[in-house]
Amino acid sequence: MISIFFLEKYGLTHKVARTVSDAGFSLIDFLIIDNTNIYSKQLTNSNRDKVFSAIQKWFLDDKVDIDIFDNVIMLNATNKSVSIE
């Protein structure tokens, strides 16, 4: 579920990422063709369009070598940190 926060690197705001994640959607939901779940009442058209816009920017990026399951992205998404000792 947290992987939606990966799109913050491509212009998705944290507020929209949090709203989409809280509604139960992950990045994979937006990558599956004909996924009718993302057209539910839980997600506004505006937020859905913002996610698709960020995905398009991601796909157009010349440096698509980022791990969408990067632990740092996941920690940032949950507002948690790791203590360095």
N, C-alpha and C. Protein backbone atom coordinates (compact mmCIF):
# COMPACT_ATOMS: atom_id res chain seq x y z
N MET A 1 0.81 -1.20 0.00
CA MET A 1 0.00 0.00 0.00
C MET A 1 0.85 1.26 0.00
N ILE A 2 1.96 1.24 0.66
CA ILE A 2 2.78 2.43 0.80
C ILE A 2 3.39 2.88 -0.52
N SER A 3 3.52 2.00 -1.49
CA SER A 3 4.23 2.35 -2.72
C SER A 3 3.64 3.51 -3.48
N ILE A 4 2.41 3.93 -3.20
CA ILE A 4 1.83 5.10 -3.86
C ILE A 4 2.66 6.34 -3.55
N PHE A 5 3.34 6.35 -2.41
CA PHE A 5 4.16 7.50 -2.02
C PHE A 5 5.39 7.66 -2.89
N PHE A 6 5.73 6.64 -3.62
CA PHE A 6 6.82 6.71 -4.59
C PHE A 6 6.57 7.84 -5.59
N LEU A 7 5.32 8.09 -5.90
CA LEU A 7 4.97 9.10 -6.91
C LEU A 7 5.18 10.53 -6.42
N GLU A 8 5.49 10.72 -5.15
CA GLU A 8 5.80 12.06 -4.68
C GLU A 8 7.05 12.59 -5.38
N LYS A 9 7.90 11.70 -5.83
CA LYS A 9 9.09 12.11 -6.58
C LYS A 9 8.71 12.64 -7.96
N TYR A 10 7.48 12.42 -8.37
CA TYR A 10 7.01 12.84 -9.70
C TYR A 10 5.83 13.79 -9.61
N GLY A 11 5.76 14.56 -8.54
CA GLY A 11 4.81 15.64 -8.44
C GLY A 11 3.54 15.37 -7.67
N LEU A 12 3.31 14.15 -7.24
CA LEU A 12 2.11 13.87 -6.44
C LEU A 12 2.33 14.45 -5.05
N THR A 13 1.36 15.20 -4.56
CA THR A 13 1.52 15.80 -3.24
C THR A 13 1.34 14.74 -2.16
N HIS A 14 1.92 15.01 -1.01
CA HIS A 14 1.81 14.06 0.10
C HIS A 14 0.35 13.92 0.54
N LYS A 15 -0.39 15.02 0.49
CA LYS A 15 -1.80 14.99 0.90
C LYS A 15 -2.60 14.04 0.01
N VAL A 16 -2.40 14.14 -1.32
CA VAL A 16 -3.12 13.26 -2.24
C VAL A 16 -2.64 11.82 -2.07
N ALA A 17 -1.33 11.63 -1.92
CA ALA A 17 -0.80 10.28 -1.72
C ALA A 17 -1.40 9.66 -0.46
N ARG A 18 -1.48 10.42 0.60
CA ARG A 18 -2.05 9.92 1.86
C ARG A 18 -3.53 9.59 1.68
N THR A 19 -4.28 10.46 0.98
CA THR A 19 -5.71 10.23 0.75
C THR A 19 -5.93 8.96 -0.05
N VAL A 20 -5.14 8.79 -1.09
CA VAL A 20 -5.28 7.60 -1.94
C VAL A 20 -4.90 6.34 -1.16
N SER A 21 -3.83 6.42 -0.41
CA SER A 21 -3.40 5.28 0.40
C SER A 21 -4.42 4.95 1.47
N ASP A 22 -4.95 5.96 2.14
CA ASP A 22 -5.96 5.74 3.19
C ASP A 22 -7.24 5.14 2.63
N ALA A 23 -7.50 5.39 1.34
CA ALA A 23 -8.69 4.80 0.70
C ALA A 23 -8.45 3.34 0.32
N GLY A 24 -7.21 2.87 0.54
CA GLY A 24 -6.90 1.46 0.31
C GLY A 24 -6.27 1.15 -1.03
N PHE A 25 -5.78 2.17 -1.72
CA PHE A 25 -5.19 1.94 -3.04
C PHE A 25 -3.67 2.00 -2.99
N SER A 26 -3.04 1.21 -3.83
CA SER A 26 -1.59 1.22 -3.94
C SER A 26 -1.22 1.53 -5.38
N LEU A 27 0.06 1.70 -5.62
CA LEU A 27 0.54 2.01 -6.97
C LEU A 27 0.11 0.94 -7.96
N ILE A 28 0.14 -0.30 -7.56
CA ILE A 28 -0.20 -1.41 -8.46
C ILE A 28 -1.63 -1.31 -8.96
N ASP A 29 -2.53 -0.74 -8.15
CA ASP A 29 -3.92 -0.58 -8.58
C ASP A 29 -4.04 0.29 -9.83
N PHE A 30 -3.14 1.24 -9.97
CA PHE A 30 -3.17 2.16 -11.10
C PHE A 30 -2.43 1.62 -12.32
N LEU A 31 -1.70 0.54 -12.13
CA LEU A 31 -0.95 -0.05 -13.24
C LEU A 31 -1.67 -1.24 -13.88
N ILE A 32 -2.74 -1.70 -13.25
CA ILE A 32 -3.50 -2.83 -13.78
C ILE A 32 -4.54 -2.32 -14.76
N ILE A 33 -4.52 -2.83 -15.97
CA ILE A 33 -5.48 -2.42 -16.99
C ILE A 33 -6.88 -2.84 -16.58
N ASP A 34 -7.84 -1.98 -16.82
CA ASP A 34 -9.26 -2.24 -16.53
C ASP A 34 -9.53 -2.52 -15.05
N ASN A 35 -8.83 -1.85 -14.18
CA ASN A 35 -9.08 -2.02 -12.75
C ASN A 35 -10.24 -1.11 -12.35
N THR A 36 -11.43 -1.68 -12.29
CA THR A 36 -12.62 -0.90 -11.98
C THR A 36 -12.64 -0.40 -10.55
N ASN A 37 -11.84 -0.98 -9.68
CA ASN A 37 -11.81 -0.55 -8.27
C ASN A 37 -11.38 0.90 -8.13
N ILE A 38 -10.50 1.38 -9.02
CA ILE A 38 -10.02 2.76 -8.87
C ILE A 38 -11.06 3.78 -9.33
N TYR A 39 -12.16 3.31 -9.88
CA TYR A 39 -13.24 4.21 -10.28
C TYR A 39 -14.41 4.11 -9.30
N SER A 40 -14.06 3.89 -8.04
CA SER A 40 -15.08 3.75 -7.00
C SER A 40 -15.36 5.11 -6.36
N LYS A 41 -16.33 5.12 -5.48
CA LYS A 41 -16.68 6.34 -4.76
C LYS A 41 -15.62 6.71 -3.73
N GLN A 42 -14.70 5.80 -3.44
CA GLN A 42 -13.66 6.07 -2.44
C GLN A 42 -12.60 7.03 -2.96
N LEU A 43 -12.54 7.23 -4.26
CA LEU A 43 -11.47 8.03 -4.86
C LEU A 43 -12.07 9.05 -5.81
N THR A 44 -11.78 10.32 -5.58
CA THR A 44 -12.34 11.36 -6.44
C THR A 44 -11.64 11.35 -7.80
N ASN A 45 -12.33 11.87 -8.80
CA ASN A 45 -11.74 11.96 -10.15
C ASN A 45 -10.48 12.81 -10.13
N SER A 46 -10.50 13.86 -9.35
CA SER A 46 -9.35 14.77 -9.26
C SER A 46 -8.11 14.04 -8.72
N ASN A 47 -8.28 13.31 -7.63
CA ASN A 47 -7.14 12.57 -7.06
C ASN A 47 -6.66 11.47 -7.99
N ARG A 48 -7.59 10.79 -8.63
CA ARG A 48 -7.22 9.75 -9.58
C ARG A 48 -6.42 10.35 -10.74
N ASP A 49 -6.86 11.49 -11.25
CA ASP A 49 -6.15 12.14 -12.35
C ASP A 49 -4.75 12.58 -11.93
N LYS A 50 -4.62 13.03 -10.68
CA LYS A 50 -3.31 13.45 -10.18
C LYS A 50 -2.36 12.26 -10.10
N VAL A 51 -2.87 11.11 -9.69
CA VAL A 51 -2.03 9.91 -9.64
C VAL A 51 -1.61 9.51 -11.05
N PHE A 52 -2.54 9.51 -11.99
CA PHE A 52 -2.20 9.14 -13.36
C PHE A 52 -1.20 10.13 -13.98
N SER A 53 -1.32 11.40 -13.64
CA SER A 53 -0.37 12.40 -14.13
C SER A 53 1.04 12.11 -13.61
N ALA A 54 1.13 11.79 -12.32
CA ALA A 54 2.44 11.46 -11.74
C ALA A 54 3.01 10.18 -12.36
N ILE A 55 2.15 9.21 -12.63
CA ILE A 55 2.61 7.97 -13.27
C ILE A 55 3.15 8.27 -14.66
N GLN A 56 2.47 9.15 -15.39
CA GLN A 56 2.94 9.50 -16.73
C GLN A 56 4.31 10.16 -16.66
N LYS A 57 4.53 11.05 -15.68
CA LYS A 57 5.84 11.68 -15.50
C LYS A 57 6.90 10.64 -15.16
N TRP A 58 6.52 9.65 -14.36
CA TRP A 58 7.44 8.57 -13.99
C TRP A 58 7.86 7.79 -15.23
N PHE A 59 6.88 7.45 -16.07
CA PHE A 59 7.18 6.69 -17.27
C PHE A 59 8.02 7.47 -18.27
N LEU A 60 7.90 8.79 -18.27
CA LEU A 60 8.66 9.63 -19.19
C LEU A 60 10.05 9.97 -18.66
N ASP A 61 10.30 9.63 -17.42
CA ASP A 61 11.60 9.92 -16.79
C ASP A 61 12.70 9.09 -17.44
N ASP A 62 13.79 9.75 -17.74
CA ASP A 62 14.93 9.05 -18.35
C ASP A 62 15.66 8.16 -17.35
N LYS A 63 15.45 8.40 -16.06
CA LYS A 63 16.19 7.67 -15.03
C LYS A 63 15.29 6.70 -14.28
N VAL A 64 14.55 5.89 -14.98
CA VAL A 64 13.62 4.97 -14.33
C VAL A 64 14.39 3.77 -13.79
N ASP A 65 15.17 4.03 -12.78
CA ASP A 65 15.95 2.96 -12.15
C ASP A 65 15.74 2.95 -10.64
N ILE A 66 14.63 3.56 -10.22
CA ILE A 66 14.34 3.68 -8.80
C ILE A 66 13.49 2.49 -8.36
N ASP A 67 13.83 1.93 -7.25
CA ASP A 67 13.07 0.81 -6.68
C ASP A 67 11.81 1.35 -6.02
N ILE A 68 10.62 0.97 -6.54
CA ILE A 68 9.38 1.50 -5.98
C ILE A 68 9.10 0.97 -4.58
N PHE A 69 9.86 0.00 -4.14
CA PHE A 69 9.70 -0.53 -2.79
C PHE A 69 10.85 -0.10 -1.90
N ASP A 70 11.50 1.00 -2.27
CA ASP A 70 12.62 1.55 -1.52
C ASP A 70 12.20 1.79 -0.07
N ASN A 71 12.99 1.30 0.86
CA ASN A 71 12.66 1.42 2.28
C ASN A 71 12.58 2.86 2.76
N VAL A 72 13.41 3.74 2.18
CA VAL A 72 13.39 5.15 2.59
C VAL A 72 12.07 5.79 2.19
N ILE A 73 11.58 5.47 0.98
CA ILE A 73 10.29 5.99 0.54
C ILE A 73 9.19 5.51 1.48
N MET A 74 9.24 4.27 1.86
CA MET A 74 8.23 3.73 2.76
C MET A 74 8.28 4.39 4.13
N LEU A 75 9.47 4.64 4.64
CA LEU A 75 9.60 5.30 5.93
C LEU A 75 9.07 6.73 5.87
N ASN A 76 9.40 7.44 4.78
CA ASN A 76 8.91 8.81 4.62
C ASN A 76 7.39 8.81 4.54
N ALA A 77 6.83 7.85 3.87
CA ALA A 77 5.38 7.79 3.69
C ALA A 77 4.65 7.59 5.02
N THR A 78 5.25 6.87 5.92
CA THR A 78 4.61 6.61 7.21
C THR A 78 5.07 7.60 8.28
N ASN A 79 5.87 8.59 7.85
CA ASN A 79 6.40 9.61 8.75
C ASN A 79 7.22 8.99 9.89
N LYS A 80 7.95 7.94 9.57
CA LYS A 80 8.79 7.29 10.57
C LYS A 80 10.25 7.48 10.20
N SER A 81 11.09 7.30 11.15
CA SER A 81 12.53 7.43 10.90
C SER A 81 13.27 6.30 11.59
N VAL A 82 14.48 6.14 11.20
CA VAL A 82 15.33 5.11 11.79
C VAL A 82 16.41 5.81 12.58
N SER A 83 16.55 5.43 13.83
CA SER A 83 17.60 6.04 14.64
C SER A 83 18.96 5.51 14.21
N ILE A 84 19.91 6.42 14.15
CA ILE A 84 21.27 6.04 13.77
C ILE A 84 22.10 5.95 15.03
N GLU A 85 22.52 4.75 15.35
CA GLU A 85 23.30 4.55 16.59
C GLU A 85 24.60 3.90 16.26
